[in-house]
């Protein structure tokens, strides 16, 4: 089994929020013991926030979560911030999923337990599990640093850093 993940450091100190958008590969609904479909692109996809130093996984969205909020092009939109900075429009009703960063930031602690981590620094990880051989845009098909966009196309999430004002001015489902 080949599990590959993309990792991207996330530093929201200057802008407070990040917006991710990307196309969701087809995945089978298997969380309730449904029969696995052979026509899917991947078996499973997740996007998680992690602490970069401690490597703790904090919060995740998986393909079943993301599939509930796709636009007409099959794309998801995720707003990432600290939980206390969650924007009012980071809701399914507005067309956005919310993914929290760890309140511990990077997770760096001294041996005595003193927190030295940056509270606005984290790590985003996107995992692809068991791609269909015919799905050429799988992260498993990347070979060198920097070829991700040319291989994955719209399936590679775009990351934009946005201020509170810009996030608040994002349209709520086109209105």
N, C-alpha and C. Protein backbone atom coordinates (compact mmCIF):
# COMPACT_ATOMS: atom_id res chain seq x y z
N UNK A 1 0.85 -1.17 0.00
CA UNK A 1 0.00 0.00 0.00
C UNK A 1 0.90 1.23 0.00
N UNK A 2 0.65 2.14 -0.92
CA UNK A 2 1.46 3.34 -1.03
C UNK A 2 0.64 4.53 -0.54
N UNK A 3 1.05 5.09 0.59
CA UNK A 3 0.41 6.28 1.13
C UNK A 3 1.39 7.42 0.98
N UNK A 4 1.00 8.45 0.31
CA UNK A 4 1.85 9.61 0.11
C UNK A 4 1.09 10.82 0.62
N UNK A 5 1.83 11.75 1.19
CA UNK A 5 1.19 12.97 1.67
C UNK A 5 1.96 14.18 1.19
N UNK A 6 1.25 15.28 1.02
CA UNK A 6 1.85 16.58 0.75
C UNK A 6 1.86 17.34 2.05
N UNK A 7 2.96 18.00 2.34
CA UNK A 7 3.07 18.78 3.57
C UNK A 7 3.38 20.21 3.20
N UNK A 8 2.74 21.15 3.87
CA UNK A 8 2.97 22.56 3.61
C UNK A 8 2.95 23.32 4.93
N UNK A 9 4.06 24.00 5.28
CA UNK A 9 4.02 24.84 6.48
C UNK A 9 2.99 25.95 6.30
N UNK A 10 2.34 26.32 7.36
CA UNK A 10 1.32 27.37 7.32
C UNK A 10 1.65 28.38 8.40
N UNK A 11 1.82 29.64 8.00
CA UNK A 11 2.16 30.72 8.93
C UNK A 11 1.11 31.81 8.77
N UNK A 12 0.18 31.89 9.71
CA UNK A 12 -0.93 32.83 9.55
C UNK A 12 -0.75 34.11 10.36
N UNK A 13 0.44 34.36 10.90
CA UNK A 13 0.67 35.50 11.77
C UNK A 13 0.33 36.84 11.18
N UNK A 14 0.60 37.05 9.91
CA UNK A 14 0.37 38.35 9.31
C UNK A 14 -1.06 38.54 8.83
N UNK A 15 -1.72 37.47 8.46
CA UNK A 15 -3.04 37.59 7.85
C UNK A 15 -4.15 36.92 8.62
N UNK A 16 -3.85 36.14 9.61
CA UNK A 16 -4.82 35.48 10.49
C UNK A 16 -5.53 34.27 9.91
N UNK A 17 -5.71 34.19 8.60
CA UNK A 17 -6.51 33.12 8.02
C UNK A 17 -5.85 32.62 6.74
N UNK A 18 -6.20 31.40 6.39
CA UNK A 18 -5.81 30.86 5.08
C UNK A 18 -7.05 30.25 4.44
N UNK A 19 -7.11 30.36 3.13
CA UNK A 19 -8.20 29.76 2.36
C UNK A 19 -7.59 28.73 1.42
N UNK A 20 -8.06 27.51 1.51
CA UNK A 20 -7.64 26.43 0.61
C UNK A 20 -8.79 26.13 -0.32
N UNK A 21 -8.47 25.90 -1.58
CA UNK A 21 -9.49 25.39 -2.49
C UNK A 21 -8.83 24.43 -3.46
N UNK A 22 -9.54 23.37 -3.77
CA UNK A 22 -9.03 22.37 -4.68
C UNK A 22 -10.15 21.45 -5.14
N UNK A 23 -9.87 20.70 -6.16
CA UNK A 23 -10.86 19.75 -6.68
C UNK A 23 -10.75 18.45 -5.90
N UNK A 24 -11.89 17.91 -5.53
CA UNK A 24 -11.94 16.67 -4.75
C UNK A 24 -11.96 15.46 -5.69
N UNK A 25 -10.98 14.55 -5.56
CA UNK A 25 -11.04 13.32 -6.34
C UNK A 25 -12.27 12.49 -5.94
N UNK A 26 -12.71 11.63 -6.84
CA UNK A 26 -13.82 10.72 -6.51
C UNK A 26 -13.32 9.68 -5.53
N UNK A 27 -14.05 9.51 -4.43
CA UNK A 27 -13.72 8.51 -3.42
C UNK A 27 -14.98 7.73 -3.06
N UNK A 28 -14.85 6.47 -2.70
CA UNK A 28 -16.03 5.69 -2.34
C UNK A 28 -16.52 6.04 -0.95
N UNK A 29 -17.81 5.92 -0.75
CA UNK A 29 -18.40 6.09 0.59
C UNK A 29 -18.28 4.76 1.31
N UNK A 30 -17.34 4.67 2.25
CA UNK A 30 -17.11 3.40 2.94
C UNK A 30 -17.16 3.51 4.45
N UNK A 31 -17.48 4.68 4.98
CA UNK A 31 -17.46 4.86 6.43
C UNK A 31 -18.54 4.05 7.14
N UNK A 32 -19.57 3.63 6.44
CA UNK A 32 -20.63 2.83 7.06
C UNK A 32 -20.67 1.43 6.46
N UNK A 33 -19.51 0.90 6.12
CA UNK A 33 -19.35 -0.44 5.55
C UNK A 33 -20.01 -0.61 4.19
N UNK A 34 -20.12 0.49 3.43
CA UNK A 34 -20.63 0.36 2.08
C UNK A 34 -19.62 -0.41 1.25
N UNK A 35 -20.10 -1.00 0.18
CA UNK A 35 -19.21 -1.74 -0.71
C UNK A 35 -18.22 -0.76 -1.36
N UNK A 36 -16.96 -1.14 -1.44
CA UNK A 36 -15.93 -0.30 -2.05
C UNK A 36 -16.17 -0.23 -3.55
N UNK A 37 -16.14 0.96 -4.09
CA UNK A 37 -16.37 1.15 -5.52
C UNK A 37 -15.05 1.11 -6.27
N UNK A 38 -15.04 0.47 -7.41
CA UNK A 38 -13.80 0.39 -8.20
C UNK A 38 -13.63 1.58 -9.13
N UNK A 39 -14.65 2.40 -9.30
CA UNK A 39 -14.57 3.52 -10.23
C UNK A 39 -14.08 4.81 -9.56
N UNK A 40 -13.60 4.73 -8.34
CA UNK A 40 -13.14 5.93 -7.65
C UNK A 40 -11.72 6.28 -8.08
N UNK A 41 -11.33 7.55 -7.81
CA UNK A 41 -9.97 8.00 -8.08
C UNK A 41 -9.02 7.55 -6.96
N UNK A 42 -9.48 7.68 -5.72
CA UNK A 42 -8.70 7.33 -4.53
C UNK A 42 -9.56 6.52 -3.59
N UNK A 43 -8.94 5.81 -2.69
CA UNK A 43 -9.67 5.13 -1.62
C UNK A 43 -10.04 6.12 -0.52
N UNK A 44 -9.16 7.12 -0.28
CA UNK A 44 -9.35 8.02 0.87
C UNK A 44 -8.51 9.27 0.66
N UNK A 45 -9.01 10.40 1.13
CA UNK A 45 -8.26 11.65 1.13
C UNK A 45 -8.55 12.36 2.43
N UNK A 46 -7.53 12.96 3.03
CA UNK A 46 -7.73 13.79 4.21
C UNK A 46 -6.81 15.00 4.14
N UNK A 47 -7.26 16.09 4.75
CA UNK A 47 -6.46 17.30 4.93
C UNK A 47 -6.48 17.60 6.41
N UNK A 48 -5.30 17.68 7.01
CA UNK A 48 -5.18 17.84 8.47
C UNK A 48 -4.25 18.99 8.82
N UNK A 49 -4.45 19.53 10.02
CA UNK A 49 -3.48 20.46 10.59
C UNK A 49 -2.69 19.70 11.64
N UNK A 50 -1.40 19.94 11.64
CA UNK A 50 -0.49 19.28 12.57
C UNK A 50 0.38 20.33 13.25
N UNK A 51 0.93 19.95 14.39
CA UNK A 51 1.95 20.77 15.03
C UNK A 51 3.28 20.38 14.40
N UNK A 52 4.00 21.34 13.88
CA UNK A 52 5.19 21.05 13.09
C UNK A 52 6.33 20.46 13.92
N UNK A 53 6.43 20.83 15.20
CA UNK A 53 7.51 20.32 16.04
C UNK A 53 7.14 19.02 16.73
N UNK A 54 5.99 19.00 17.38
CA UNK A 54 5.57 17.79 18.10
C UNK A 54 5.03 16.72 17.16
N UNK A 55 4.66 17.10 15.97
CA UNK A 55 4.03 16.28 14.92
C UNK A 55 2.63 15.79 15.29
N UNK A 56 2.05 16.34 16.34
CA UNK A 56 0.69 15.95 16.72
C UNK A 56 -0.30 16.36 15.64
N UNK A 57 -1.20 15.44 15.29
CA UNK A 57 -2.30 15.76 14.38
C UNK A 57 -3.41 16.35 15.23
N UNK A 58 -3.93 17.49 14.80
CA UNK A 58 -4.93 18.18 15.60
C UNK A 58 -6.34 18.04 15.06
N UNK A 59 -6.55 18.48 13.86
CA UNK A 59 -7.89 18.48 13.28
C UNK A 59 -7.78 18.02 11.84
N UNK A 60 -8.81 17.32 11.37
CA UNK A 60 -8.79 16.80 10.00
C UNK A 60 -10.17 16.93 9.35
N UNK A 61 -10.15 17.06 8.06
CA UNK A 61 -11.33 16.90 7.22
C UNK A 61 -11.01 15.76 6.27
N UNK A 62 -11.94 14.86 6.06
CA UNK A 62 -11.69 13.77 5.13
C UNK A 62 -12.65 13.89 3.95
N UNK A 63 -12.45 13.05 2.95
CA UNK A 63 -13.22 13.17 1.71
C UNK A 63 -14.73 13.20 1.94
N UNK A 64 -15.23 12.41 2.89
CA UNK A 64 -16.67 12.42 3.19
C UNK A 64 -17.15 13.76 3.71
N UNK A 65 -16.31 14.45 4.49
CA UNK A 65 -16.64 15.81 4.96
C UNK A 65 -16.65 16.78 3.79
N UNK A 66 -15.60 16.73 2.99
CA UNK A 66 -15.44 17.69 1.90
C UNK A 66 -16.48 17.52 0.81
N UNK A 67 -16.96 16.30 0.60
CA UNK A 67 -17.91 16.05 -0.49
C UNK A 67 -19.28 16.69 -0.23
N UNK A 68 -19.54 17.11 0.99
CA UNK A 68 -20.84 17.72 1.32
C UNK A 68 -20.93 19.18 0.89
N UNK A 69 -19.82 19.78 0.53
CA UNK A 69 -19.80 21.21 0.24
C UNK A 69 -19.07 21.54 -1.06
N UNK A 70 -19.29 20.80 -2.10
CA UNK A 70 -18.59 21.07 -3.35
C UNK A 70 -19.36 22.07 -4.19
N UNK A 71 -18.60 22.89 -4.93
CA UNK A 71 -19.26 23.81 -5.85
C UNK A 71 -19.57 23.08 -7.17
N UNK A 72 -20.04 23.81 -8.16
CA UNK A 72 -20.45 23.20 -9.42
C UNK A 72 -19.29 22.52 -10.15
N UNK A 73 -18.04 22.94 -9.87
CA UNK A 73 -16.86 22.35 -10.51
C UNK A 73 -16.26 21.20 -9.70
N UNK A 74 -16.93 20.81 -8.60
CA UNK A 74 -16.41 19.74 -7.77
C UNK A 74 -15.28 20.17 -6.85
N UNK A 75 -15.23 21.47 -6.54
CA UNK A 75 -14.16 22.01 -5.69
C UNK A 75 -14.67 22.29 -4.29
N UNK A 76 -13.79 22.10 -3.33
CA UNK A 76 -14.06 22.42 -1.93
C UNK A 76 -13.34 23.71 -1.56
N UNK A 77 -13.82 24.34 -0.51
CA UNK A 77 -13.18 25.54 0.04
C UNK A 77 -13.07 25.36 1.54
N UNK A 78 -11.86 25.57 2.06
CA UNK A 78 -11.60 25.39 3.49
C UNK A 78 -10.97 26.67 4.03
N UNK A 79 -11.51 27.18 5.13
CA UNK A 79 -10.90 28.30 5.83
C UNK A 79 -10.16 27.73 7.03
N UNK A 80 -8.88 28.12 7.17
CA UNK A 80 -8.02 27.63 8.24
C UNK A 80 -7.65 28.80 9.14
N UNK A 81 -7.84 28.62 10.45
CA UNK A 81 -7.43 29.64 11.43
C UNK A 81 -7.39 29.00 12.81
N UNK A 82 -6.95 29.78 13.77
CA UNK A 82 -7.08 29.34 15.16
C UNK A 82 -8.56 29.27 15.49
N UNK A 83 -8.97 28.36 16.37
CA UNK A 83 -10.40 28.22 16.68
C UNK A 83 -11.06 29.53 17.11
N UNK A 84 -10.37 30.31 17.91
CA UNK A 84 -10.97 31.56 18.40
C UNK A 84 -11.07 32.63 17.32
N UNK A 85 -10.38 32.43 16.18
CA UNK A 85 -10.44 33.39 15.07
C UNK A 85 -11.35 32.91 13.94
N UNK A 86 -12.14 31.88 14.19
CA UNK A 86 -13.00 31.34 13.14
C UNK A 86 -13.94 32.43 12.63
N UNK A 87 -13.92 32.69 11.31
CA UNK A 87 -14.80 33.71 10.76
C UNK A 87 -16.26 33.25 10.77
N UNK A 88 -17.15 34.21 10.80
CA UNK A 88 -18.59 33.89 10.85
C UNK A 88 -19.07 33.18 9.58
N UNK A 89 -18.39 33.39 8.46
CA UNK A 89 -18.81 32.76 7.21
C UNK A 89 -18.10 31.43 6.94
N UNK A 90 -17.34 30.92 7.89
CA UNK A 90 -16.68 29.61 7.74
C UNK A 90 -17.67 28.52 8.13
N UNK A 91 -18.73 28.41 7.33
CA UNK A 91 -19.82 27.46 7.61
C UNK A 91 -20.20 26.72 6.33
N UNK A 92 -20.79 25.55 6.51
CA UNK A 92 -21.28 24.80 5.36
C UNK A 92 -22.35 25.58 4.61
N UNK A 93 -23.17 26.32 5.34
CA UNK A 93 -24.24 27.10 4.71
C UNK A 93 -23.66 28.13 3.74
N UNK A 94 -22.47 28.63 4.03
CA UNK A 94 -21.82 29.61 3.15
C UNK A 94 -20.92 28.95 2.11
N UNK A 95 -20.79 27.63 2.16
CA UNK A 95 -19.99 26.93 1.18
C UNK A 95 -18.55 26.68 1.59
N UNK A 96 -18.24 26.87 2.88
CA UNK A 96 -16.87 26.69 3.37
C UNK A 96 -16.83 25.64 4.48
N UNK A 97 -15.78 24.88 4.48
CA UNK A 97 -15.47 24.02 5.62
C UNK A 97 -14.49 24.79 6.49
N UNK A 98 -14.44 24.45 7.78
CA UNK A 98 -13.50 25.09 8.69
C UNK A 98 -12.53 24.04 9.21
N UNK A 99 -11.25 24.39 9.23
CA UNK A 99 -10.20 23.52 9.75
C UNK A 99 -9.37 24.35 10.72
N UNK A 100 -9.36 23.93 11.97
CA UNK A 100 -8.68 24.69 13.02
C UNK A 100 -7.19 24.34 13.08
N UNK A 101 -6.41 25.36 13.37
CA UNK A 101 -5.00 25.15 13.73
C UNK A 101 -4.94 24.82 15.21
N UNK A 102 -3.88 24.18 15.62
CA UNK A 102 -3.71 23.87 17.03
C UNK A 102 -3.52 25.14 17.84
N UNK A 103 -4.19 25.26 18.99
CA UNK A 103 -3.94 26.40 19.87
C UNK A 103 -2.50 26.41 20.40
N UNK A 104 -1.81 25.27 20.28
CA UNK A 104 -0.41 25.18 20.70
C UNK A 104 0.54 25.56 19.57
N UNK A 105 0.02 25.97 18.43
CA UNK A 105 0.85 26.38 17.31
C UNK A 105 1.77 25.28 16.84
N UNK A 106 3.07 25.56 16.85
CA UNK A 106 4.05 24.59 16.35
C UNK A 106 4.26 23.43 17.31
N UNK A 107 3.82 23.56 18.56
CA UNK A 107 3.93 22.47 19.52
C UNK A 107 5.29 22.34 20.17
N UNK A 108 6.14 23.37 20.04
CA UNK A 108 7.48 23.31 20.63
C UNK A 108 7.42 23.58 22.12
N UNK A 109 7.92 22.63 22.91
CA UNK A 109 7.95 22.75 24.36
C UNK A 109 9.34 22.39 24.88
N UNK A 110 9.71 23.03 25.99
CA UNK A 110 10.97 22.68 26.65
C UNK A 110 10.79 21.37 27.39
N UNK A 111 11.88 20.72 27.81
CA UNK A 111 11.75 19.50 28.61
C UNK A 111 10.94 19.72 29.89
N UNK A 112 10.91 20.95 30.38
CA UNK A 112 10.14 21.27 31.59
C UNK A 112 8.68 21.57 31.27
N UNK A 113 8.32 21.54 29.99
CA UNK A 113 6.93 21.78 29.61
C UNK A 113 6.61 23.22 29.26
N UNK A 114 7.61 24.10 29.25
CA UNK A 114 7.36 25.50 28.89
C UNK A 114 7.12 25.59 27.38
N UNK A 115 6.12 26.36 27.00
CA UNK A 115 5.73 26.49 25.60
C UNK A 115 6.62 27.52 24.91
N UNK A 116 7.33 27.09 23.87
CA UNK A 116 8.16 27.99 23.06
C UNK A 116 7.64 28.11 21.64
N UNK A 117 6.56 27.45 21.34
CA UNK A 117 6.07 27.40 19.97
C UNK A 117 5.42 28.69 19.52
N UNK A 118 5.41 28.87 18.21
CA UNK A 118 4.69 29.99 17.60
C UNK A 118 3.23 29.59 17.51
N UNK A 119 2.35 30.38 18.09
CA UNK A 119 0.93 30.00 18.11
C UNK A 119 0.27 30.10 16.74
N UNK A 120 0.87 30.82 15.81
CA UNK A 120 0.27 30.99 14.49
C UNK A 120 1.00 30.19 13.41
N UNK A 121 1.70 29.16 13.82
CA UNK A 121 2.48 28.37 12.86
C UNK A 121 2.06 26.91 12.96
N UNK A 122 1.78 26.31 11.84
CA UNK A 122 1.38 24.91 11.84
C UNK A 122 1.77 24.24 10.54
N UNK A 123 1.24 23.07 10.34
CA UNK A 123 1.55 22.28 9.17
C UNK A 123 0.25 21.72 8.60
N UNK A 124 0.07 21.88 7.31
CA UNK A 124 -1.05 21.26 6.60
C UNK A 124 -0.56 19.98 5.94
N UNK A 125 -1.32 18.92 6.08
CA UNK A 125 -0.95 17.66 5.44
C UNK A 125 -2.16 17.13 4.67
N UNK A 126 -1.95 16.84 3.39
CA UNK A 126 -2.98 16.21 2.57
C UNK A 126 -2.51 14.80 2.25
N UNK A 127 -3.33 13.81 2.61
CA UNK A 127 -2.99 12.41 2.36
C UNK A 127 -3.89 11.83 1.28
N UNK A 128 -3.26 11.12 0.36
CA UNK A 128 -3.96 10.31 -0.64
C UNK A 128 -3.71 8.85 -0.31
N UNK A 129 -4.74 8.05 -0.36
CA UNK A 129 -4.58 6.63 -0.06
C UNK A 129 -5.09 5.80 -1.23
N UNK A 130 -4.28 4.90 -1.71
CA UNK A 130 -4.62 3.93 -2.75
C UNK A 130 -5.29 4.55 -3.98
N UNK A 131 -4.52 5.27 -4.79
CA UNK A 131 -5.11 5.83 -6.01
C UNK A 131 -5.40 4.74 -7.04
N UNK A 132 -6.44 4.96 -7.80
CA UNK A 132 -6.74 4.11 -8.94
C UNK A 132 -5.61 4.29 -9.96
N UNK A 133 -5.19 3.22 -10.61
CA UNK A 133 -4.08 3.32 -11.58
C UNK A 133 -4.37 4.30 -12.70
N UNK A 134 -5.63 4.50 -13.02
CA UNK A 134 -5.99 5.44 -14.08
C UNK A 134 -6.10 6.88 -13.64
N UNK A 135 -5.93 7.14 -12.34
CA UNK A 135 -6.03 8.52 -11.83
C UNK A 135 -4.63 9.13 -11.86
N UNK A 136 -4.33 9.84 -12.94
CA UNK A 136 -2.99 10.37 -13.18
C UNK A 136 -2.64 11.57 -12.31
N UNK A 137 -3.63 12.19 -11.66
CA UNK A 137 -3.39 13.37 -10.85
C UNK A 137 -3.10 13.05 -9.38
N UNK A 138 -2.87 11.82 -9.04
CA UNK A 138 -2.59 11.44 -7.65
C UNK A 138 -1.22 11.98 -7.23
N UNK A 139 -1.12 12.35 -5.96
CA UNK A 139 0.16 12.84 -5.43
C UNK A 139 1.24 11.77 -5.57
N UNK A 140 0.86 10.51 -5.60
CA UNK A 140 1.83 9.42 -5.76
C UNK A 140 2.56 9.50 -7.10
N UNK A 141 2.02 10.24 -8.06
CA UNK A 141 2.64 10.36 -9.38
C UNK A 141 3.66 11.49 -9.45
N UNK A 142 3.79 12.28 -8.40
CA UNK A 142 4.83 13.31 -8.40
C UNK A 142 6.18 12.63 -8.19
N UNK A 143 7.21 13.23 -8.78
CA UNK A 143 8.53 12.61 -8.69
C UNK A 143 9.58 13.52 -8.07
N UNK A 144 9.46 14.82 -8.26
CA UNK A 144 10.45 15.75 -7.73
C UNK A 144 9.74 16.94 -7.10
N UNK A 145 10.43 17.60 -6.16
CA UNK A 145 9.88 18.81 -5.55
C UNK A 145 9.57 19.81 -6.65
N UNK A 146 8.38 20.37 -6.60
CA UNK A 146 7.99 21.40 -7.54
C UNK A 146 7.17 20.92 -8.71
N UNK A 147 7.02 19.61 -8.90
CA UNK A 147 6.22 19.14 -10.03
C UNK A 147 4.77 18.87 -9.64
N UNK A 148 4.40 19.19 -8.41
CA UNK A 148 3.06 18.86 -7.90
C UNK A 148 1.95 19.49 -8.75
N UNK A 149 2.06 20.76 -9.08
CA UNK A 149 1.00 21.44 -9.83
C UNK A 149 0.87 20.85 -11.24
N UNK A 150 2.00 20.56 -11.87
CA UNK A 150 1.92 20.02 -13.23
C UNK A 150 1.34 18.61 -13.24
N UNK A 151 1.53 17.84 -12.19
CA UNK A 151 0.97 16.48 -12.10
C UNK A 151 -0.47 16.52 -11.60
N UNK A 152 -0.70 17.24 -10.51
CA UNK A 152 -2.00 17.17 -9.83
C UNK A 152 -3.04 18.14 -10.37
N UNK A 153 -2.62 19.20 -11.04
CA UNK A 153 -3.56 20.17 -11.59
C UNK A 153 -4.46 20.75 -10.51
N UNK A 154 -5.78 20.76 -10.77
CA UNK A 154 -6.75 21.34 -9.83
C UNK A 154 -6.90 20.52 -8.55
N UNK A 155 -6.36 19.31 -8.52
CA UNK A 155 -6.44 18.48 -7.31
C UNK A 155 -5.43 18.90 -6.25
N UNK A 156 -4.46 19.73 -6.62
CA UNK A 156 -3.52 20.30 -5.66
C UNK A 156 -4.17 21.54 -5.07
N UNK A 157 -4.40 21.58 -3.76
CA UNK A 157 -5.07 22.75 -3.18
C UNK A 157 -4.25 24.03 -3.35
N UNK A 158 -4.94 25.11 -3.69
CA UNK A 158 -4.35 26.44 -3.67
C UNK A 158 -4.45 26.96 -2.25
N UNK A 159 -3.44 27.67 -1.79
CA UNK A 159 -3.45 28.25 -0.46
C UNK A 159 -3.29 29.76 -0.60
N UNK A 160 -4.26 30.50 -0.06
CA UNK A 160 -4.18 31.96 -0.03
C UNK A 160 -4.22 32.42 1.41
N UNK A 161 -3.36 33.35 1.76
CA UNK A 161 -3.42 33.98 3.08
C UNK A 161 -4.30 35.21 2.95
N UNK A 162 -5.29 35.32 3.83
CA UNK A 162 -6.24 36.43 3.75
C UNK A 162 -6.41 37.09 5.11
N UNK A 163 -6.62 38.39 5.07
CA UNK A 163 -6.88 39.14 6.30
C UNK A 163 -8.30 38.87 6.78
N UNK A 164 -8.57 39.27 8.00
CA UNK A 164 -9.92 39.12 8.55
C UNK A 164 -10.94 39.83 7.66
N UNK A 165 -10.63 41.03 7.20
CA UNK A 165 -11.56 41.77 6.34
C UNK A 165 -11.84 41.03 5.04
N UNK A 166 -10.80 40.50 4.41
CA UNK A 166 -11.00 39.78 3.14
C UNK A 166 -11.79 38.50 3.35
N UNK A 167 -11.53 37.79 4.44
CA UNK A 167 -12.31 36.58 4.74
C UNK A 167 -13.77 36.94 4.97
N UNK A 168 -14.00 37.99 5.76
CA UNK A 168 -15.38 38.40 6.05
C UNK A 168 -16.13 38.84 4.80
N UNK A 169 -15.39 39.30 3.78
CA UNK A 169 -16.03 39.76 2.54
C UNK A 169 -16.18 38.66 1.50
N UNK A 170 -15.75 37.44 1.82
CA UNK A 170 -15.97 36.33 0.89
C UNK A 170 -17.46 36.09 0.74
N UNK A 171 -17.86 35.76 -0.46
CA UNK A 171 -19.27 35.51 -0.72
C UNK A 171 -19.76 34.29 0.05
N UNK A 172 -21.00 34.37 0.48
CA UNK A 172 -21.65 33.24 1.13
C UNK A 172 -22.50 32.55 0.08
N UNK A 173 -21.94 31.46 -0.53
CA UNK A 173 -22.60 30.72 -1.61
C UNK A 173 -23.06 31.62 -2.75
N UNK A 174 -22.16 32.53 -3.14
CA UNK A 174 -22.44 33.37 -4.29
C UNK A 174 -23.37 34.54 -4.04
N UNK A 175 -23.69 34.82 -2.77
CA UNK A 175 -24.59 35.95 -2.51
C UNK A 175 -23.86 37.08 -1.83
